[in-house]
C-alpha atoms as a PDB file:
ATOM      1  CA  UNK A   1    -113.798   6.297  69.876  1.00  0.00           C
ATOM      2  CA  UNK A   2    -112.812   2.806  71.047  1.00  0.00           C
ATOM      3  CA  UNK A   3    -113.704  -0.185  68.876  1.00  0.00           C
ATOM      4  CA  UNK A   4    -113.669  -3.970  69.170  1.00  0.00           C
ATOM      5  CA  UNK A   5    -113.978  -6.767  66.619  1.00  0.00           C
ATOM      6  CA  UNK A   6    -116.586  -9.524  66.800  1.00  0.00           C
ATOM      7  CA  UNK A   7    -115.081 -13.013  66.355  1.00  0.00           C
ATOM      8  CA  UNK A   8    -116.683 -15.848  64.376  1.00  0.00           C
ATOM      9  CA  UNK A   9    -118.056 -17.128  67.725  1.00  0.00           C
ATOM     10  CA  UNK A  10    -119.756 -13.778  68.429  1.00  0.00           C
ATOM     11  CA  UNK A  11    -117.249 -12.770  71.089  1.00  0.00           C
ATOM     12  CA  UNK A  12    -115.509  -9.440  71.639  1.00  0.00           C
ATOM     13  CA  UNK A  13    -112.675  -8.322  73.870  1.00  0.00           C
ATOM     14  CA  UNK A  14    -113.448  -5.127  75.723  1.00  0.00           C
ATOM     15  CA  UNK A  15    -110.571  -2.696  75.308  1.00  0.00           C
ATOM     16  CA  UNK A  16    -108.485  -2.044  78.438  1.00  0.00           C
ATOM     17  CA  UNK A  17    -109.686   1.566  78.676  1.00  0.00           C
ATOM     18  CA  UNK A  18    -113.344   0.431  78.707  1.00  0.00           C
ATOM     19  CA  UNK A  19    -112.671  -2.293  81.319  1.00  0.00           C
ATOM     20  CA  UNK A  20    -110.862   0.209  83.532  1.00  0.00           C
ATOM     21  CA  UNK A  21    -113.614   2.804  83.199  1.00  0.00           C
ATOM     22  CA  UNK A  22    -116.292   0.250  84.142  1.00  0.00           C
ATOM     23  CA  UNK A  23    -114.183  -1.242  86.940  1.00  0.00           C
ATOM     24  CA  UNK A  24    -114.226  -4.692  85.328  1.00  0.00           C
ATOM     25  CA  UNK A  25    -111.724  -7.447  85.929  1.00  0.00           C
ATOM     26  CA  UNK A  26    -111.465 -11.115  84.965  1.00  0.00           C
ATOM     27  CA  UNK A  27    -114.703 -12.888  85.834  1.00  0.00           C
ATOM     28  CA  UNK A  28    -116.799  -9.710  85.935  1.00  0.00           C
ATOM     29  CA  UNK A  29    -120.229  -9.836  84.327  1.00  0.00           C
ATOM     30  CA  UNK A  30    -121.827  -7.127  82.209  1.00  0.00           C
ATOM     31  CA  UNK A  31    -125.380  -6.411  81.079  1.00  0.00           C
ATOM     32  CA  UNK A  32    -126.329  -5.010  77.699  1.00  0.00           C
ATOM     33  CA  UNK A  33    -129.183  -2.538  78.160  1.00  0.00           C
ATOM     34  CA  UNK A  34    -131.036  -1.340  75.072  1.00  0.00           C
ATOM     35  CA  UNK A  35    -131.339   2.437  75.401  1.00  0.00           C
ATOM     36  CA  UNK A  36    -133.011   2.909  72.007  1.00  0.00           C
ATOM     37  CA  UNK A  37    -133.559   0.660  68.982  1.00  0.00           C
ATOM     38  CA  UNK A  38    -130.137  -0.515  67.829  1.00  0.00           C
ATOM     39  CA  UNK A  39    -128.238   1.236  70.654  1.00  0.00           C
ATOM     40  CA  UNK A  40    -127.028  -0.540  73.766  1.00  0.00           C
ATOM     41  CA  UNK A  41    -125.280   0.514  76.930  1.00  0.00           C
ATOM     42  CA  UNK A  42    -122.822  -1.818  78.684  1.00  0.00           C
ATOM     43  CA  UNK A  43    -123.364  -1.848  82.446  1.00  0.00           C
ATOM     44  CA  UNK A  44    -121.386  -3.804  85.061  1.00  0.00           C
ATOM     45  CA  UNK A  45    -123.645  -6.535  86.461  1.00  0.00           C
ATOM     46  CA  UNK A  46    -121.520  -7.104  89.542  1.00  0.00           C
ATOM     47  CA  UNK A  47    -121.827  -4.938  92.607  1.00  0.00           C
ATOM     48  CA  UNK A  48    -119.752  -4.933  95.764  1.00  0.00           C
ATOM     49  CA  UNK A  49    -121.342  -6.630  98.762  1.00  0.00           C
ATOM     50  CA  UNK A  50    -121.445  -3.268 100.533  1.00  0.00           C
ATOM     51  CA  UNK A  51    -124.044  -2.118  97.962  1.00  0.00           C
ATOM     52  CA  UNK A  52    -126.521  -4.582  99.509  1.00  0.00           C
ATOM     53  CA  UNK A  53    -126.412  -2.811 102.887  1.00  0.00           C
ATOM     54  CA  UNK A  54    -129.812  -1.481 103.893  1.00  0.00           C
ATOM     55  CA  UNK A  55    -131.611  -3.450 101.195  1.00  0.00           C
ATOM     56  CA  UNK A  56    -133.853  -5.195 103.729  1.00  0.00           C
ATOM     57  CA  UNK A  57    -134.653  -2.160 105.812  1.00  0.00           C
ATOM     58  CA  UNK A  58    -134.532  -2.538 109.577  1.00  0.00           C
ATOM     59  CA  UNK A  59    -132.401  -5.331 111.015  1.00  0.00           C
ATOM     60  CA  UNK A  60    -134.301  -8.566 111.582  1.00  0.00           C
ATOM     61  CA  UNK A  61    -134.840  -9.774 115.117  1.00  0.00           C
ATOM     62  CA  UNK A  62    -132.765 -12.750 116.231  1.00  0.00           C
ATOM     63  CA  UNK A  63    -134.483 -16.134 115.975  1.00  0.00           C
ATOM     64  CA  UNK A  64    -133.435 -19.358 117.660  1.00  0.00           C
ATOM     65  CA  UNK A  65    -132.739 -22.537 115.725  1.00  0.00           C
ATOM     66  CA  UNK A  66    -135.683 -24.148 117.498  1.00  0.00           C
ATOM     67  CA  UNK A  67    -138.018 -21.366 116.297  1.00  0.00           C
ATOM     68  CA  UNK A  68    -136.719 -21.757 112.723  1.00  0.00           C
ATOM     69  CA  UNK A  69    -137.254 -25.532 112.837  1.00  0.00           C
ATOM     70  CA  UNK A  70    -140.802 -25.029 114.167  1.00  0.00           C
ATOM     71  CA  UNK A  71    -141.613 -22.555 111.360  1.00  0.00           C
ATOM     72  CA  UNK A  72    -140.197 -24.935 108.741  1.00  0.00           C
ATOM     73  CA  UNK A  73    -142.208 -27.830 110.159  1.00  0.00           C
ATOM     74  CA  UNK A  74    -145.383 -25.732 110.196  1.00  0.00           C
ATOM     75  CA  UNK A  75    -144.948 -24.679 106.550  1.00  0.00           C
ATOM     76  CA  UNK A  76    -144.092 -28.248 105.524  1.00  0.00           C
ATOM     77  CA  UNK A  77    -147.290 -29.508 107.135  1.00  0.00           C
ATOM     78  CA  UNK A  78    -149.331 -26.921 105.147  1.00  0.00           C
ATOM     79  CA  UNK A  79    -147.756 -27.887 101.818  1.00  0.00           C
ATOM     80  CA  UNK A  80    -148.952 -31.485 101.963  1.00  0.00           C
END
């Protein structure tokens, strides 16, 4: 079992074996997910950009800058 010590500021250093297993490096973010009362799981909060592929379904159709400006102007006119 791997352990870590909580500092007076409430910080811990994840042991190297844990960081390697989770694929974490400097600057990585983690989430603490409560799996049951008093028990948490540490999950990497960063995902590679490739994981976003297919998130929006079918590719969007191309739109001209003029069409975008017209849509923005139309929405702006409604908001007032």
